[in-house]
Amino acid sequence: MGGYLPGGRRFEALLVGYYDGRRLMIVGKLKNGFVPATRDTSRPGFKGLETAVCPFVNLPEPKNARRGLAITRETMPLCRWLKPQVVVQIEFVEWTDKGHLRHARFIGIRDDKDPRTVTREIPEA
């Protein structure tokens, strides 16, 4: 996780990615799978991880990158960047041809995993 989109006292979406070598690649905005209590307890955990620098190397996106809010040069100021030190476990339906996740859902926080070991998972055929 490298950031979030704020929304009221809670966050609207987490910005998640994986490492390709030393480069953190964004794969999507994670909005589904949260209950209000999860949103309330997660945001205080961001304290101390804030940074002014976007950690993702593949941002900004082009304006036509996806349906919904693309993270373009114009919308990047809405984002809150975090040092990528928290790993979240997610479920998703598939990878898009642009390298994003389709229908991703939050499962939980993985404090047993080093963020640098998170790489793109390719399903077996």
N, C-alpha and C. Protein backbone atom coordinates (compact mmCIF):
# COMPACT_ATOMS: atom_id res chain seq x y z
N MET A 1 0.86 -1.17 0.00
CA MET A 1 0.00 0.00 0.00
C MET A 1 0.91 1.23 0.00
N GLY A 2 0.59 2.16 -0.92
CA GLY A 2 1.43 3.34 -1.04
C GLY A 2 0.68 4.64 -0.88
N GLY A 3 -0.60 4.56 -0.51
CA GLY A 3 -1.35 5.78 -0.32
C GLY A 3 -2.83 5.51 -0.19
N TYR A 4 -3.59 6.58 -0.13
CA TYR A 4 -5.04 6.46 -0.04
C TYR A 4 -5.69 7.73 -0.55
N LEU A 5 -6.95 7.61 -0.87
CA LEU A 5 -7.78 8.76 -1.19
C LEU A 5 -8.62 9.06 0.04
N PRO A 6 -8.48 10.24 0.62
CA PRO A 6 -9.25 10.55 1.82
C PRO A 6 -10.73 10.71 1.51
N GLY A 7 -11.53 10.47 2.51
CA GLY A 7 -12.98 10.63 2.38
C GLY A 7 -13.58 10.87 3.75
N GLY A 8 -13.85 12.11 4.09
CA GLY A 8 -14.38 12.44 5.42
C GLY A 8 -13.37 12.08 6.48
N ARG A 9 -13.83 11.47 7.55
CA ARG A 9 -12.88 11.07 8.59
C ARG A 9 -12.26 9.71 8.26
N ARG A 10 -12.79 9.09 7.22
CA ARG A 10 -12.28 7.79 6.78
C ARG A 10 -11.63 7.95 5.43
N PHE A 11 -11.09 6.88 4.91
CA PHE A 11 -10.53 6.92 3.56
C PHE A 11 -11.55 6.40 2.56
N GLU A 12 -11.45 6.89 1.34
CA GLU A 12 -12.33 6.46 0.26
C GLU A 12 -11.80 5.18 -0.38
N ALA A 13 -10.47 5.13 -0.58
CA ALA A 13 -9.85 3.96 -1.22
C ALA A 13 -8.38 3.89 -0.85
N LEU A 14 -7.86 2.67 -0.77
CA LEU A 14 -6.42 2.47 -0.59
C LEU A 14 -5.80 2.36 -1.97
N LEU A 15 -4.59 2.87 -2.12
CA LEU A 15 -3.85 2.76 -3.36
C LEU A 15 -2.83 1.65 -3.17
N VAL A 16 -2.99 0.58 -3.93
CA VAL A 16 -2.20 -0.63 -3.71
C VAL A 16 -1.34 -0.95 -4.92
N GLY A 17 -0.28 -1.69 -4.66
CA GLY A 17 0.63 -2.05 -5.74
C GLY A 17 1.50 -3.24 -5.37
N TYR A 18 2.47 -3.49 -6.23
CA TYR A 18 3.42 -4.58 -6.03
C TYR A 18 4.79 -4.10 -6.50
N TYR A 19 5.81 -4.83 -6.10
CA TYR A 19 7.17 -4.49 -6.50
C TYR A 19 7.56 -5.26 -7.75
N ASP A 20 8.11 -4.53 -8.71
CA ASP A 20 8.74 -5.08 -9.90
C ASP A 20 10.21 -4.71 -9.76
N GLY A 21 10.98 -5.62 -9.19
CA GLY A 21 12.35 -5.27 -8.80
C GLY A 21 12.30 -4.28 -7.65
N ARG A 22 12.87 -3.11 -7.85
CA ARG A 22 12.85 -2.07 -6.81
C ARG A 22 11.76 -1.04 -7.04
N ARG A 23 10.98 -1.22 -8.11
CA ARG A 23 9.97 -0.23 -8.50
C ARG A 23 8.59 -0.64 -7.99
N LEU A 24 7.91 0.28 -7.29
CA LEU A 24 6.56 0.03 -6.81
C LEU A 24 5.57 0.44 -7.89
N MET A 25 4.77 -0.53 -8.35
CA MET A 25 3.81 -0.32 -9.43
C MET A 25 2.40 -0.28 -8.85
N ILE A 26 1.64 0.76 -9.16
CA ILE A 26 0.25 0.82 -8.69
C ILE A 26 -0.59 -0.14 -9.53
N VAL A 27 -1.50 -0.84 -8.88
CA VAL A 27 -2.39 -1.76 -9.61
C VAL A 27 -3.86 -1.41 -9.41
N GLY A 28 -4.14 -0.44 -8.55
CA GLY A 28 -5.53 -0.04 -8.42
C GLY A 28 -5.87 0.66 -7.13
N LYS A 29 -7.12 1.10 -7.11
CA LYS A 29 -7.71 1.72 -5.93
C LYS A 29 -8.60 0.66 -5.29
N LEU A 30 -8.35 0.38 -4.05
CA LEU A 30 -9.07 -0.66 -3.34
C LEU A 30 -10.18 -0.02 -2.50
N LYS A 31 -11.43 -0.25 -2.90
CA LYS A 31 -12.58 0.36 -2.22
C LYS A 31 -13.46 -0.67 -1.52
N ASN A 32 -13.47 -1.90 -1.98
CA ASN A 32 -14.41 -2.91 -1.50
C ASN A 32 -13.82 -3.77 -0.39
N GLY A 33 -14.70 -4.30 0.45
CA GLY A 33 -14.29 -5.23 1.50
C GLY A 33 -14.12 -4.62 2.86
N PHE A 34 -14.33 -3.32 2.98
CA PHE A 34 -14.16 -2.64 4.26
C PHE A 34 -15.49 -2.50 4.97
N VAL A 35 -15.47 -2.69 6.27
CA VAL A 35 -16.61 -2.35 7.11
C VAL A 35 -16.24 -1.05 7.81
N PRO A 36 -17.21 -0.29 8.32
CA PRO A 36 -16.86 0.99 8.96
C PRO A 36 -15.79 0.87 10.04
N ALA A 37 -15.83 -0.19 10.84
CA ALA A 37 -14.83 -0.34 11.90
C ALA A 37 -13.43 -0.49 11.33
N THR A 38 -13.30 -1.19 10.21
CA THR A 38 -11.99 -1.36 9.57
C THR A 38 -11.47 -0.01 9.09
N ARG A 39 -12.33 0.79 8.48
CA ARG A 39 -11.91 2.11 8.01
C ARG A 39 -11.49 2.98 9.18
N ASP A 40 -12.23 2.93 10.30
CA ASP A 40 -11.90 3.76 11.46
C ASP A 40 -10.57 3.37 12.08
N THR A 41 -10.29 2.06 12.17
CA THR A 41 -9.06 1.63 12.82
C THR A 41 -7.85 1.68 11.89
N SER A 42 -8.05 1.61 10.57
CA SER A 42 -6.93 1.62 9.65
C SER A 42 -6.29 2.99 9.49
N ARG A 43 -7.10 4.02 9.37
CA ARG A 43 -6.55 5.35 9.09
C ARG A 43 -5.60 5.84 10.19
N PRO A 44 -5.89 5.65 11.48
CA PRO A 44 -4.89 6.05 12.48
C PRO A 44 -3.56 5.32 12.31
N GLY A 45 -3.58 4.11 11.73
CA GLY A 45 -2.35 3.36 11.48
C GLY A 45 -1.48 3.97 10.40
N PHE A 46 -2.02 4.93 9.65
CA PHE A 46 -1.24 5.61 8.62
C PHE A 46 -0.30 6.65 9.22
N LYS A 47 -0.57 7.05 10.46
CA LYS A 47 0.24 8.08 11.11
C LYS A 47 1.70 7.63 11.17
N GLY A 48 2.57 8.52 10.78
CA GLY A 48 4.00 8.20 10.77
C GLY A 48 4.47 7.63 9.44
N LEU A 49 3.53 7.24 8.59
CA LEU A 49 3.89 6.71 7.27
C LEU A 49 3.71 7.75 6.16
N GLU A 50 3.13 8.91 6.50
CA GLU A 50 2.87 9.92 5.49
C GLU A 50 4.16 10.43 4.87
N THR A 51 4.08 10.71 3.58
CA THR A 51 5.22 11.28 2.85
C THR A 51 4.67 12.20 1.77
N ALA A 52 5.45 13.17 1.37
CA ALA A 52 5.03 14.08 0.30
C ALA A 52 5.32 13.50 -1.08
N VAL A 53 6.05 12.40 -1.12
CA VAL A 53 6.50 11.83 -2.39
C VAL A 53 5.65 10.62 -2.77
N CYS A 54 5.15 10.62 -4.01
CA CYS A 54 4.41 9.48 -4.52
C CYS A 54 5.36 8.30 -4.67
N PRO A 55 5.08 7.14 -4.05
CA PRO A 55 5.99 6.00 -4.14
C PRO A 55 5.84 5.16 -5.41
N PHE A 56 4.80 5.41 -6.19
CA PHE A 56 4.53 4.59 -7.38
C PHE A 56 5.24 5.17 -8.60
N VAL A 57 5.94 4.32 -9.33
CA VAL A 57 6.68 4.79 -10.50
C VAL A 57 5.80 4.94 -11.73
N ASN A 58 4.64 4.31 -11.76
CA ASN A 58 3.78 4.36 -12.94
C ASN A 58 2.62 5.35 -12.79
N LEU A 59 2.82 6.40 -12.01
CA LEU A 59 1.86 7.50 -11.91
C LEU A 59 2.55 8.77 -12.39
N PRO A 60 1.83 9.70 -12.95
CA PRO A 60 0.39 9.74 -13.14
C PRO A 60 -0.07 8.86 -14.30
N GLU A 61 -1.37 8.53 -14.25
CA GLU A 61 -1.99 7.75 -15.31
C GLU A 61 -2.52 8.70 -16.38
N PRO A 62 -2.71 8.19 -17.61
CA PRO A 62 -3.39 9.02 -18.60
C PRO A 62 -4.86 9.19 -18.23
N LYS A 63 -5.49 10.23 -18.73
CA LYS A 63 -6.89 10.52 -18.37
C LYS A 63 -7.84 9.39 -18.73
N ASN A 64 -7.53 8.62 -19.76
CA ASN A 64 -8.42 7.53 -20.18
C ASN A 64 -7.98 6.18 -19.63
N ALA A 65 -7.24 6.18 -18.53
CA ALA A 65 -6.66 4.95 -18.01
C ALA A 65 -7.70 3.94 -17.53
N ARG A 66 -8.82 4.38 -17.05
CA ARG A 66 -9.81 3.47 -16.48
C ARG A 66 -11.12 4.18 -16.27
N ARG A 67 -12.12 3.39 -15.97
CA ARG A 67 -13.40 3.99 -15.58
C ARG A 67 -13.25 4.51 -14.16
N GLY A 68 -14.04 5.50 -13.85
CA GLY A 68 -13.93 6.09 -12.52
C GLY A 68 -12.79 7.08 -12.49
N LEU A 69 -12.31 7.40 -11.31
CA LEU A 69 -11.27 8.39 -11.13
C LEU A 69 -9.91 7.81 -11.47
N ALA A 70 -9.31 8.28 -12.55
CA ALA A 70 -7.92 7.91 -12.86
C ALA A 70 -7.01 8.81 -12.04
N ILE A 71 -5.87 8.31 -11.66
CA ILE A 71 -4.94 9.10 -10.87
C ILE A 71 -4.00 9.82 -11.85
N THR A 72 -4.51 10.94 -12.33
CA THR A 72 -3.81 11.76 -13.32
C THR A 72 -3.02 12.85 -12.61
N ARG A 73 -2.27 13.62 -13.39
CA ARG A 73 -1.53 14.75 -12.83
C ARG A 73 -2.48 15.71 -12.09
N GLU A 74 -3.69 15.87 -12.63
CA GLU A 74 -4.67 16.78 -12.02
C GLU A 74 -5.26 16.22 -10.73
N THR A 75 -5.44 14.91 -10.64
CA THR A 75 -6.07 14.33 -9.44
C THR A 75 -5.06 13.86 -8.39
N MET A 76 -3.78 13.80 -8.75
CA MET A 76 -2.78 13.35 -7.77
C MET A 76 -2.75 14.19 -6.49
N PRO A 77 -3.02 15.52 -6.55
CA PRO A 77 -3.05 16.27 -5.29
C PRO A 77 -4.13 15.81 -4.30
N LEU A 78 -5.12 15.07 -4.77
CA LEU A 78 -6.15 14.53 -3.87
C LEU A 78 -5.62 13.36 -3.04
N CYS A 79 -4.59 12.72 -3.53
CA CYS A 79 -4.04 11.51 -2.88
C CYS A 79 -3.19 11.86 -1.67
N ARG A 80 -3.17 10.96 -0.72
CA ARG A 80 -2.27 11.05 0.43
C ARG A 80 -1.30 9.89 0.29
N TRP A 81 -0.01 10.21 0.20
CA TRP A 81 1.01 9.19 -0.05
C TRP A 81 1.53 8.63 1.26
N LEU A 82 1.83 7.35 1.24
CA LEU A 82 2.36 6.66 2.41
C LEU A 82 3.64 5.93 2.02
N LYS A 83 4.56 5.84 2.97
CA LYS A 83 5.72 4.97 2.76
C LYS A 83 5.17 3.55 2.65
N PRO A 84 5.59 2.79 1.65
CA PRO A 84 5.00 1.46 1.43
C PRO A 84 5.53 0.43 2.44
N GLN A 85 5.02 0.52 3.67
CA GLN A 85 5.46 -0.37 4.73
C GLN A 85 4.34 -1.26 5.26
N VAL A 86 3.15 -1.16 4.69
CA VAL A 86 2.01 -1.97 5.12
C VAL A 86 1.58 -2.85 3.95
N VAL A 87 1.39 -4.14 4.23
CA VAL A 87 0.94 -5.09 3.21
C VAL A 87 -0.52 -5.42 3.48
N VAL A 88 -1.33 -5.33 2.43
CA VAL A 88 -2.73 -5.74 2.55
C VAL A 88 -2.96 -6.96 1.67
N GLN A 89 -3.79 -7.84 2.16
CA GLN A 89 -4.17 -9.02 1.38
C GLN A 89 -5.48 -8.70 0.68
N ILE A 90 -5.55 -9.04 -0.59
CA ILE A 90 -6.74 -8.74 -1.37
C ILE A 90 -7.12 -9.95 -2.23
N GLU A 91 -8.38 -9.95 -2.61
CA GLU A 91 -8.88 -10.90 -3.61
C GLU A 91 -9.21 -10.08 -4.84
N PHE A 92 -9.12 -10.70 -6.02
CA PHE A 92 -9.51 -10.01 -7.23
C PHE A 92 -9.90 -11.03 -8.27
N VAL A 93 -10.65 -10.57 -9.27
CA VAL A 93 -11.15 -11.45 -10.31
C VAL A 93 -10.07 -11.75 -11.34
N GLU A 94 -9.41 -10.69 -11.84
CA GLU A 94 -8.38 -10.88 -12.87
C GLU A 94 -7.55 -9.63 -13.04
N TRP A 95 -6.46 -9.78 -13.79
CA TRP A 95 -5.63 -8.66 -14.21
C TRP A 95 -6.20 -8.10 -15.50
N THR A 96 -6.21 -6.77 -15.62
CA THR A 96 -6.60 -6.16 -16.89
C THR A 96 -5.39 -6.16 -17.82
N ASP A 97 -5.61 -5.88 -19.10
CA ASP A 97 -4.47 -5.83 -20.03
C ASP A 97 -3.58 -4.62 -19.77
N LYS A 98 -4.03 -3.68 -18.95
CA LYS A 98 -3.19 -2.53 -18.58
C LYS A 98 -2.46 -2.75 -17.25
N GLY A 99 -2.58 -3.98 -16.70
CA GLY A 99 -1.85 -4.30 -15.48
C GLY A 99 -2.51 -3.85 -14.19
N HIS A 100 -3.82 -3.64 -14.21
CA HIS A 100 -4.56 -3.29 -13.00
C HIS A 100 -5.41 -4.47 -12.56
N LEU A 101 -5.88 -4.39 -11.34
CA LEU A 101 -6.75 -5.46 -10.81
C LEU A 101 -8.20 -5.15 -11.11
N ARG A 102 -8.94 -6.17 -11.45
CA ARG A 102 -10.38 -6.02 -11.69
C ARG A 102 -11.14 -6.61 -10.51
N HIS A 103 -12.08 -5.84 -9.98
CA HIS A 103 -12.95 -6.26 -8.88
C HIS A 103 -12.14 -6.73 -7.67
N ALA A 104 -11.26 -5.87 -7.19
CA ALA A 104 -10.43 -6.19 -6.03
C ALA A 104 -11.21 -5.94 -4.74
N ARG A 105 -10.91 -6.75 -3.71
CA ARG A 105 -11.59 -6.64 -2.42
C ARG A 105 -10.58 -6.84 -1.30
N PHE A 106 -10.64 -5.97 -0.30
CA PHE A 106 -9.78 -6.03 0.88
C PHE A 106 -10.12 -7.26 1.71
N ILE A 107 -9.10 -8.00 2.12
CA ILE A 107 -9.27 -9.17 3.00
C ILE A 107 -8.72 -8.85 4.39
N GLY A 108 -7.54 -8.26 4.46
CA GLY A 108 -6.94 -7.95 5.76
C GLY A 108 -5.55 -7.39 5.61
N ILE A 109 -4.97 -7.05 6.76
CA ILE A 109 -3.60 -6.53 6.80
C ILE A 109 -2.68 -7.70 7.12
N ARG A 110 -1.56 -7.75 6.42
CA ARG A 110 -0.56 -8.82 6.60
C ARG A 110 0.66 -8.24 7.30
N ASP A 111 0.74 -8.39 8.62
CA ASP A 111 1.92 -7.90 9.30
C ASP A 111 3.02 -8.95 9.37
N ASP A 112 2.79 -10.10 8.73
CA ASP A 112 3.80 -11.16 8.69
C ASP A 112 4.60 -11.13 7.39
N LYS A 113 4.36 -10.14 6.54
CA LYS A 113 4.98 -10.12 5.21
C LYS A 113 5.74 -8.81 5.00
N ASP A 114 6.94 -8.91 4.46
CA ASP A 114 7.75 -7.75 4.13
C ASP A 114 7.22 -7.15 2.83
N PRO A 115 6.93 -5.85 2.80
CA PRO A 115 6.38 -5.23 1.59
C PRO A 115 7.25 -5.45 0.35
N ARG A 116 8.54 -5.53 0.48
CA ARG A 116 9.43 -5.71 -0.67
C ARG A 116 9.29 -7.09 -1.32
N THR A 117 8.62 -8.02 -0.63
CA THR A 117 8.44 -9.35 -1.20
C THR A 117 7.13 -9.47 -1.97
N VAL A 118 6.35 -8.40 -2.00
CA VAL A 118 5.06 -8.42 -2.71
C VAL A 118 5.33 -8.18 -4.20
N THR A 119 5.07 -9.21 -4.99
CA THR A 119 5.27 -9.12 -6.44
C THR A 119 3.96 -9.49 -7.14
N ARG A 120 3.94 -9.29 -8.44
CA ARG A 120 2.72 -9.62 -9.21
C ARG A 120 2.54 -11.13 -9.23
N GLU A 121 1.37 -11.56 -8.84
CA GLU A 121 1.05 -12.98 -8.85
C GLU A 121 0.37 -13.33 -10.17
N ILE A 122 0.89 -14.31 -10.85
CA ILE A 122 0.31 -14.78 -12.09
C ILE A 122 -0.37 -16.12 -11.81
N PRO A 123 -1.68 -16.21 -12.07
CA PRO A 123 -2.37 -17.47 -11.80
C PRO A 123 -1.86 -18.58 -12.71
N GLU A 124 -1.86 -19.78 -12.18
CA GLU A 124 -1.47 -20.95 -12.99
C GLU A 124 -2.54 -21.22 -14.02
N ALA A 125 -2.10 -21.66 -15.17
CA ALA A 125 -3.06 -21.94 -16.28
C ALA A 125 -3.82 -23.22 -16.02
